[in-house]
Amino acid sequence: MEEGIVTYHEVAVLPLYNLPFHIVVGDEMMDVIAHGESIFPGASLTKAFDYDHYTCKMTHPDKKTRYMILIETMNEINLAAVCVKVSTELSWYLMEEVKIECNETNNKSQSHIVMALFILINETVKKFLNEKESGYNNSDNDMGEL
């Protein structure tokens, strides 16, 4: 029996600020975590086992800071809410990176960043779900060019 796609990984970039972040999507968090840890050898993402989504900032003394979102897609009913949540969580990390101050009277920048992140994350999730539904088959679990 041939296996279909298990996980999908995309590096997205927040427009205007040129900040890259990794999105890893899959049906089961176990596979998503394994894929995320393979991208960053030595990283432990075991905290994510308790959730169906996870947002993190990874720092290393010799490497650049990296940001990652992990999303499990098994609960499709809740998926849009998950995309909003991880977009908001990631917005805080990225605003801190570029030193954007946000408060109750100064929040327009964050709202634009959350919108941009949501679009990028949602597009990645859709790609994964569409390819999975179409029965895409690749033993390397790499969707290649879409």
N, C-alpha and C. Protein backbone atom coordinates (compact mmCIF):
# COMPACT_ATOMS: atom_id res chain seq x y z
N MET A 1 0.84 -1.19 0.00
CA MET A 1 0.00 0.00 0.00
C MET A 1 0.88 1.25 0.00
N GLU A 2 0.58 2.16 -0.85
CA GLU A 2 1.36 3.39 -0.93
C GLU A 2 0.84 4.41 0.08
N GLU A 3 1.77 5.14 0.66
CA GLU A 3 1.38 6.16 1.64
C GLU A 3 1.25 7.51 0.98
N GLY A 4 0.33 8.31 1.47
CA GLY A 4 0.17 9.68 0.98
C GLY A 4 1.02 10.63 1.80
N ILE A 5 0.78 11.88 1.60
CA ILE A 5 1.51 12.92 2.30
C ILE A 5 1.23 12.86 3.80
N VAL A 6 2.27 13.01 4.62
CA VAL A 6 2.14 12.95 6.08
C VAL A 6 2.26 14.35 6.68
N THR A 7 3.25 15.10 6.24
CA THR A 7 3.44 16.47 6.74
C THR A 7 3.79 17.37 5.56
N TYR A 8 3.65 18.63 5.79
CA TYR A 8 4.05 19.63 4.79
C TYR A 8 4.76 20.75 5.53
N HIS A 9 5.88 21.18 4.97
CA HIS A 9 6.69 22.24 5.57
C HIS A 9 6.87 23.35 4.55
N GLU A 10 6.63 24.56 4.99
CA GLU A 10 6.83 25.71 4.12
C GLU A 10 7.50 26.81 4.93
N VAL A 11 8.44 27.50 4.30
CA VAL A 11 9.02 28.69 4.92
C VAL A 11 8.30 29.89 4.31
N ALA A 12 7.58 30.60 5.14
CA ALA A 12 6.86 31.79 4.70
C ALA A 12 7.64 33.02 5.17
N VAL A 13 7.35 34.15 4.55
CA VAL A 13 8.04 35.39 4.92
C VAL A 13 7.00 36.47 5.15
N LEU A 14 7.08 37.12 6.31
CA LEU A 14 6.18 38.23 6.60
C LEU A 14 6.55 39.39 5.69
N PRO A 15 5.62 39.80 4.82
CA PRO A 15 5.92 40.90 3.89
C PRO A 15 6.32 42.18 4.62
N LEU A 16 7.00 43.03 3.96
CA LEU A 16 7.48 44.32 4.43
C LEU A 16 8.64 44.19 5.41
N TYR A 17 8.56 43.27 6.37
CA TYR A 17 9.60 43.12 7.38
C TYR A 17 10.62 42.05 7.00
N ASN A 18 10.33 41.26 5.95
CA ASN A 18 11.22 40.22 5.48
C ASN A 18 11.64 39.26 6.59
N LEU A 19 10.66 38.85 7.41
CA LEU A 19 10.93 37.93 8.51
C LEU A 19 10.42 36.54 8.14
N PRO A 20 11.33 35.56 8.01
CA PRO A 20 10.90 34.21 7.67
C PRO A 20 10.40 33.45 8.91
N PHE A 21 9.48 32.52 8.67
CA PHE A 21 9.03 31.63 9.72
C PHE A 21 8.62 30.31 9.08
N HIS A 22 8.71 29.25 9.84
CA HIS A 22 8.43 27.91 9.35
C HIS A 22 7.02 27.49 9.76
N ILE A 23 6.32 26.87 8.82
CA ILE A 23 4.99 26.32 9.09
C ILE A 23 5.08 24.83 8.79
N VAL A 24 4.75 24.02 9.78
CA VAL A 24 4.73 22.57 9.59
C VAL A 24 3.31 22.11 9.89
N VAL A 25 2.70 21.44 8.91
CA VAL A 25 1.31 21.01 9.01
C VAL A 25 1.25 19.50 8.80
N GLY A 26 0.39 18.84 9.57
CA GLY A 26 0.19 17.40 9.38
C GLY A 26 -1.06 16.94 10.09
N ASP A 27 -1.44 15.70 9.83
CA ASP A 27 -2.64 15.16 10.46
C ASP A 27 -2.46 14.86 11.94
N GLU A 28 -1.26 14.41 12.30
CA GLU A 28 -1.02 14.01 13.69
C GLU A 28 0.17 14.78 14.25
N MET A 29 0.01 15.28 15.47
CA MET A 29 1.06 16.11 16.08
C MET A 29 2.38 15.35 16.19
N MET A 30 2.32 14.04 16.38
CA MET A 30 3.55 13.25 16.49
C MET A 30 4.40 13.43 15.21
N ASP A 31 3.75 13.36 14.05
CA ASP A 31 4.47 13.52 12.78
C ASP A 31 4.93 14.96 12.58
N VAL A 32 4.10 15.91 12.99
CA VAL A 32 4.43 17.33 12.85
C VAL A 32 5.65 17.66 13.71
N ILE A 33 5.67 17.16 14.94
CA ILE A 33 6.80 17.41 15.84
C ILE A 33 8.08 16.78 15.28
N ALA A 34 7.99 15.54 14.81
CA ALA A 34 9.16 14.87 14.24
C ALA A 34 9.72 15.67 13.06
N HIS A 35 8.83 16.18 12.21
CA HIS A 35 9.28 16.99 11.07
C HIS A 35 9.93 18.29 11.55
N GLY A 36 9.29 18.95 12.53
CA GLY A 36 9.86 20.19 13.08
C GLY A 36 11.23 19.97 13.69
N GLU A 37 11.40 18.88 14.42
CA GLU A 37 12.69 18.59 15.04
C GLU A 37 13.74 18.23 14.00
N SER A 38 13.32 17.67 12.86
CA SER A 38 14.29 17.36 11.81
C SER A 38 14.80 18.63 11.13
N ILE A 39 13.99 19.68 11.14
CA ILE A 39 14.41 20.95 10.55
C ILE A 39 15.45 21.63 11.43
N PHE A 40 15.28 21.48 12.75
CA PHE A 40 16.18 22.08 13.73
C PHE A 40 16.78 20.98 14.60
N PRO A 41 17.81 20.27 14.10
CA PRO A 41 18.40 19.19 14.88
C PRO A 41 18.83 19.67 16.26
N GLY A 42 18.49 18.87 17.26
CA GLY A 42 18.81 19.22 18.64
C GLY A 42 17.68 19.91 19.36
N ALA A 43 16.71 20.42 18.63
CA ALA A 43 15.56 21.08 19.26
C ALA A 43 14.61 20.02 19.80
N SER A 44 13.98 20.33 20.92
CA SER A 44 12.96 19.45 21.48
C SER A 44 11.63 20.19 21.45
N LEU A 45 10.68 19.65 20.73
CA LEU A 45 9.36 20.25 20.64
C LEU A 45 8.31 19.40 21.36
N THR A 46 8.75 18.64 22.37
CA THR A 46 7.85 17.71 23.04
C THR A 46 6.70 18.41 23.77
N LYS A 47 6.87 19.67 24.14
CA LYS A 47 5.75 20.41 24.75
C LYS A 47 4.52 20.41 23.84
N ALA A 48 4.75 20.37 22.55
CA ALA A 48 3.66 20.44 21.57
C ALA A 48 2.77 19.20 21.58
N PHE A 49 3.24 18.09 22.18
CA PHE A 49 2.41 16.88 22.24
C PHE A 49 1.08 17.13 22.95
N ASP A 50 1.04 18.12 23.82
CA ASP A 50 -0.17 18.41 24.59
C ASP A 50 -1.19 19.24 23.82
N TYR A 51 -0.87 19.66 22.61
CA TYR A 51 -1.72 20.60 21.88
C TYR A 51 -1.96 20.14 20.45
N ASP A 52 -2.90 20.82 19.77
CA ASP A 52 -3.08 20.56 18.34
C ASP A 52 -2.42 21.66 17.51
N HIS A 53 -1.73 22.56 18.17
CA HIS A 53 -0.97 23.62 17.50
C HIS A 53 0.09 24.12 18.48
N TYR A 54 1.13 24.73 17.94
CA TYR A 54 2.22 25.20 18.80
C TYR A 54 2.98 26.29 18.05
N THR A 55 3.32 27.35 18.73
CA THR A 55 4.10 28.44 18.16
C THR A 55 5.36 28.59 19.01
N CYS A 56 6.51 28.69 18.38
CA CYS A 56 7.72 28.83 19.18
C CYS A 56 8.77 29.70 18.50
N LYS A 57 9.62 30.23 19.35
CA LYS A 57 10.79 31.01 18.93
C LYS A 57 12.00 30.20 19.40
N MET A 58 12.91 29.92 18.47
CA MET A 58 14.09 29.14 18.82
C MET A 58 15.33 30.00 18.65
N THR A 59 16.14 29.98 19.68
CA THR A 59 17.38 30.74 19.63
C THR A 59 18.55 29.79 19.85
N HIS A 60 19.66 30.14 19.26
CA HIS A 60 20.87 29.34 19.38
C HIS A 60 22.03 30.33 19.38
N PRO A 61 23.04 30.09 20.22
CA PRO A 61 24.14 31.07 20.30
C PRO A 61 24.84 31.33 18.98
N ASP A 62 24.90 30.33 18.09
CA ASP A 62 25.63 30.48 16.83
C ASP A 62 24.74 30.64 15.60
N LYS A 63 23.43 30.47 15.77
CA LYS A 63 22.53 30.53 14.62
C LYS A 63 21.51 31.65 14.81
N LYS A 64 20.89 32.04 13.72
CA LYS A 64 19.88 33.09 13.82
C LYS A 64 18.66 32.58 14.57
N THR A 65 17.92 33.50 15.16
CA THR A 65 16.66 33.15 15.80
C THR A 65 15.70 32.67 14.71
N ARG A 66 14.96 31.64 15.02
CA ARG A 66 14.00 31.09 14.06
C ARG A 66 12.65 30.93 14.73
N TYR A 67 11.62 31.06 13.93
CA TYR A 67 10.25 30.96 14.41
C TYR A 67 9.56 29.81 13.70
N MET A 68 8.70 29.09 14.44
CA MET A 68 8.04 27.94 13.86
C MET A 68 6.62 27.81 14.39
N ILE A 69 5.73 27.38 13.51
CA ILE A 69 4.35 27.07 13.86
C ILE A 69 4.11 25.61 13.50
N LEU A 70 3.55 24.85 14.44
CA LEU A 70 3.18 23.47 14.20
C LEU A 70 1.66 23.38 14.26
N ILE A 71 1.04 22.73 13.28
CA ILE A 71 -0.42 22.62 13.26
C ILE A 71 -0.82 21.20 12.91
N GLU A 72 -1.66 20.62 13.78
CA GLU A 72 -2.28 19.32 13.52
C GLU A 72 -3.65 19.59 12.91
N THR A 73 -3.98 18.88 11.85
CA THR A 73 -5.21 19.20 11.11
C THR A 73 -6.36 18.22 11.36
N MET A 74 -6.23 17.32 12.29
CA MET A 74 -7.27 16.31 12.48
C MET A 74 -8.64 16.91 12.83
N ASN A 75 -8.66 17.99 13.59
CA ASN A 75 -9.91 18.63 13.96
C ASN A 75 -10.16 19.81 13.02
N GLU A 76 -10.71 19.52 11.83
CA GLU A 76 -10.89 20.56 10.81
C GLU A 76 -11.92 21.61 11.22
N ILE A 77 -12.82 21.27 12.11
CA ILE A 77 -13.83 22.23 12.56
C ILE A 77 -13.16 23.39 13.29
N ASN A 78 -12.12 23.10 14.02
CA ASN A 78 -11.42 24.09 14.84
C ASN A 78 -10.25 24.74 14.10
N LEU A 79 -9.99 24.34 12.86
CA LEU A 79 -8.77 24.74 12.16
C LEU A 79 -8.66 26.25 11.91
N ALA A 80 -9.74 26.91 11.55
CA ALA A 80 -9.69 28.36 11.32
C ALA A 80 -9.33 29.08 12.61
N ALA A 81 -9.90 28.66 13.72
CA ALA A 81 -9.59 29.28 15.02
C ALA A 81 -8.12 29.05 15.37
N VAL A 82 -7.60 27.88 15.08
CA VAL A 82 -6.19 27.58 15.34
C VAL A 82 -5.30 28.52 14.51
N CYS A 83 -5.65 28.73 13.25
CA CYS A 83 -4.86 29.63 12.39
C CYS A 83 -4.86 31.06 12.93
N VAL A 84 -6.01 31.51 13.45
CA VAL A 84 -6.07 32.85 14.06
C VAL A 84 -5.18 32.91 15.29
N LYS A 85 -5.26 31.88 16.12
CA LYS A 85 -4.49 31.86 17.37
C LYS A 85 -2.98 31.87 17.10
N VAL A 86 -2.51 30.99 16.21
CA VAL A 86 -1.06 30.95 15.96
C VAL A 86 -0.59 32.21 15.25
N SER A 87 -1.46 32.82 14.44
CA SER A 87 -1.12 34.10 13.80
C SER A 87 -0.90 35.18 14.85
N THR A 88 -1.76 35.21 15.83
CA THR A 88 -1.64 36.21 16.90
C THR A 88 -0.40 35.95 17.75
N GLU A 89 -0.19 34.67 18.11
CA GLU A 89 0.99 34.33 18.91
C GLU A 89 2.28 34.69 18.17
N LEU A 90 2.35 34.32 16.90
CA LEU A 90 3.55 34.63 16.13
C LEU A 90 3.74 36.13 15.95
N SER A 91 2.63 36.88 15.87
CA SER A 91 2.75 38.33 15.71
C SER A 91 3.52 38.96 16.86
N TRP A 92 3.32 38.45 18.07
CA TRP A 92 4.04 39.01 19.23
C TRP A 92 5.55 38.78 19.10
N TYR A 93 5.94 37.57 18.70
CA TYR A 93 7.36 37.28 18.52
C TYR A 93 7.97 38.18 17.44
N LEU A 94 7.27 38.31 16.32
CA LEU A 94 7.83 39.09 15.20
C LEU A 94 7.85 40.59 15.50
N MET A 95 6.83 41.08 16.22
CA MET A 95 6.84 42.50 16.60
C MET A 95 7.98 42.78 17.56
N GLU A 96 8.25 41.85 18.45
CA GLU A 96 9.38 42.02 19.36
C GLU A 96 10.68 42.05 18.56
N GLU A 97 10.78 41.20 17.55
CA GLU A 97 11.98 41.12 16.71
C GLU A 97 12.28 42.46 16.03
N VAL A 98 11.23 43.13 15.52
CA VAL A 98 11.44 44.39 14.81
C VAL A 98 11.14 45.61 15.69
N LYS A 99 10.95 45.34 16.97
CA LYS A 99 10.77 46.40 17.98
C LYS A 99 9.55 47.29 17.71
N ILE A 100 8.43 46.65 17.43
CA ILE A 100 7.16 47.37 17.28
C ILE A 100 6.44 47.31 18.61
N GLU A 101 6.13 48.47 19.14
CA GLU A 101 5.40 48.53 20.41
C GLU A 101 3.91 48.41 20.13
N CYS A 102 3.24 47.64 20.96
CA CYS A 102 1.81 47.45 20.79
C CYS A 102 1.12 47.59 22.14
N ASN A 103 0.03 48.37 22.15
CA ASN A 103 -0.79 48.49 23.35
C ASN A 103 -2.22 48.79 22.90
N GLU A 104 -3.10 49.09 23.86
CA GLU A 104 -4.52 49.28 23.52
C GLU A 104 -4.78 50.46 22.58
N THR A 105 -3.90 51.44 22.55
CA THR A 105 -4.11 52.58 21.65
C THR A 105 -3.20 52.54 20.42
N ASN A 106 -2.22 51.66 20.44
CA ASN A 106 -1.27 51.54 19.33
C ASN A 106 -1.24 50.08 18.88
N ASN A 107 -2.30 49.66 18.18
CA ASN A 107 -2.37 48.26 17.81
C ASN A 107 -2.60 48.02 16.31
N LYS A 108 -2.58 49.08 15.53
CA LYS A 108 -2.84 48.93 14.09
C LYS A 108 -1.77 48.06 13.41
N SER A 109 -0.53 48.24 13.78
CA SER A 109 0.53 47.42 13.17
C SER A 109 0.29 45.95 13.45
N GLN A 110 -0.06 45.63 14.68
CA GLN A 110 -0.30 44.23 15.00
C GLN A 110 -1.48 43.67 14.20
N SER A 111 -2.53 44.44 14.05
CA SER A 111 -3.68 43.93 13.31
C SER A 111 -3.30 43.62 11.87
N HIS A 112 -2.47 44.44 11.24
CA HIS A 112 -2.03 44.18 9.87
C HIS A 112 -1.11 42.96 9.81
N ILE A 113 -0.24 42.82 10.80
CA ILE A 113 0.66 41.66 10.85
C ILE A 113 -0.14 40.38 11.04
N VAL A 114 -1.12 40.39 11.94
CA VAL A 114 -1.95 39.20 12.17
C VAL A 114 -2.69 38.82 10.89
N MET A 115 -3.23 39.80 10.20
CA MET A 115 -3.94 39.52 8.94
C MET A 115 -3.00 38.88 7.91
N ALA A 116 -1.81 39.43 7.75
CA ALA A 116 -0.85 38.89 6.79
C ALA A 116 -0.43 37.46 7.17
N LEU A 117 -0.17 37.26 8.46
CA LEU A 117 0.22 35.93 8.93
C LEU A 117 -0.90 34.93 8.72
N PHE A 118 -2.13 35.33 9.04
CA PHE A 118 -3.27 34.44 8.87
C PHE A 118 -3.40 33.99 7.42
N ILE A 119 -3.25 34.90 6.50
CA ILE A 119 -3.36 34.55 5.08
C ILE A 119 -2.28 33.54 4.70
N LEU A 120 -1.04 33.79 5.10
CA LEU A 120 0.06 32.88 4.77
C LEU A 120 -0.13 31.50 5.40
N ILE A 121 -0.51 31.48 6.67
CA ILE A 121 -0.70 30.21 7.38
C ILE A 121 -1.88 29.45 6.80
N ASN A 122 -2.97 30.15 6.57
CA ASN A 122 -4.18 29.52 6.02
C ASN A 122 -3.90 28.93 4.64
N GLU A 123 -3.13 29.63 3.80
CA GLU A 123 -2.79 29.12 2.47
C GLU A 123 -1.97 27.83 2.58
N THR A 124 -1.06 27.77 3.53
CA THR A 124 -0.25 26.57 3.71
C THR A 124 -1.10 25.39 4.18
N VAL A 125 -1.99 25.64 5.12
CA VAL A 125 -2.88 24.59 5.60
C VAL A 125 -3.76 24.08 4.45
N LYS A 126 -4.28 25.00 3.65
CA LYS A 126 -5.12 24.61 2.50
C LYS A 126 -4.33 23.75 1.52
N LYS A 127 -3.08 24.11 1.24
CA LYS A 127 -2.26 23.31 0.33
C LYS A 127 -2.13 21.88 0.84
N PHE A 128 -1.84 21.76 2.12
CA PHE A 128 -1.71 20.42 2.71
C PHE A 128 -3.01 19.65 2.59
N LEU A 129 -4.12 20.24 2.98
CA LEU A 129 -5.41 19.55 2.94
C LEU A 129 -5.82 19.20 1.52
N ASN A 130 -5.59 20.10 0.57
CA ASN A 130 -5.95 19.81 -0.83
C ASN A 130 -5.12 18.67 -1.40
N GLU A 131 -3.82 18.67 -1.11
CA GLU A 131 -2.96 17.61 -1.63
C GLU A 131 -3.28 16.27 -0.96
N LYS A 132 -3.59 16.31 0.32
CA LYS A 132 -3.95 15.09 1.03
C LYS A 132 -5.25 14.52 0.46
N GLU A 133 -6.21 15.39 0.21
CA GLU A 133 -7.51 14.98 -0.31
C GLU A 133 -7.41 14.42 -1.73
N SER A 134 -6.50 14.99 -2.52
CA SER A 134 -6.36 14.53 -3.90
C SER A 134 -5.60 13.22 -3.98
N GLY A 135 -5.13 12.72 -2.85
CA GLY A 135 -4.43 11.44 -2.84
C GLY A 135 -3.00 11.53 -3.30
N TYR A 136 -2.42 12.72 -3.19
CA TYR A 136 -1.03 12.91 -3.59
C TYR A 136 -0.17 11.86 -2.91
N ASN A 137 0.74 11.28 -3.66
CA ASN A 137 1.56 10.22 -3.12
C ASN A 137 3.04 10.54 -3.34
N ASN A 138 3.79 10.54 -2.25
CA ASN A 138 5.22 10.75 -2.35
C ASN A 138 5.85 10.14 -1.12
N SER A 139 6.68 9.16 -1.27
CA SER A 139 7.26 8.46 -0.12
C SER A 139 8.16 9.36 0.71
N ASP A 140 8.65 10.47 0.15
CA ASP A 140 9.49 11.40 0.91
C ASP A 140 8.66 12.40 1.69
N ASN A 141 7.33 12.37 1.52
CA ASN A 141 6.43 13.33 2.17
C ASN A 141 6.79 14.76 1.82
N ASP A 142 7.24 14.95 0.60
CA ASP A 142 7.61 16.28 0.13
C ASP A 142 6.69 16.64 -1.02
N MET A 143 5.94 17.70 -0.87
CA MET A 143 4.98 18.08 -1.89
C MET A 143 5.64 18.72 -3.10
N GLY A 144 6.87 19.13 -2.96
CA GLY A 144 7.56 19.76 -4.08
C GLY A 144 6.91 21.07 -4.49
N GLU A 145 7.03 21.40 -5.75
CA GLU A 145 6.46 22.65 -6.27
C GLU A 145 4.96 22.51 -6.41
N LEU A 146 4.24 23.49 -5.93
CA LEU A 146 2.78 23.48 -6.07
C LEU A 146 2.35 24.55 -7.04
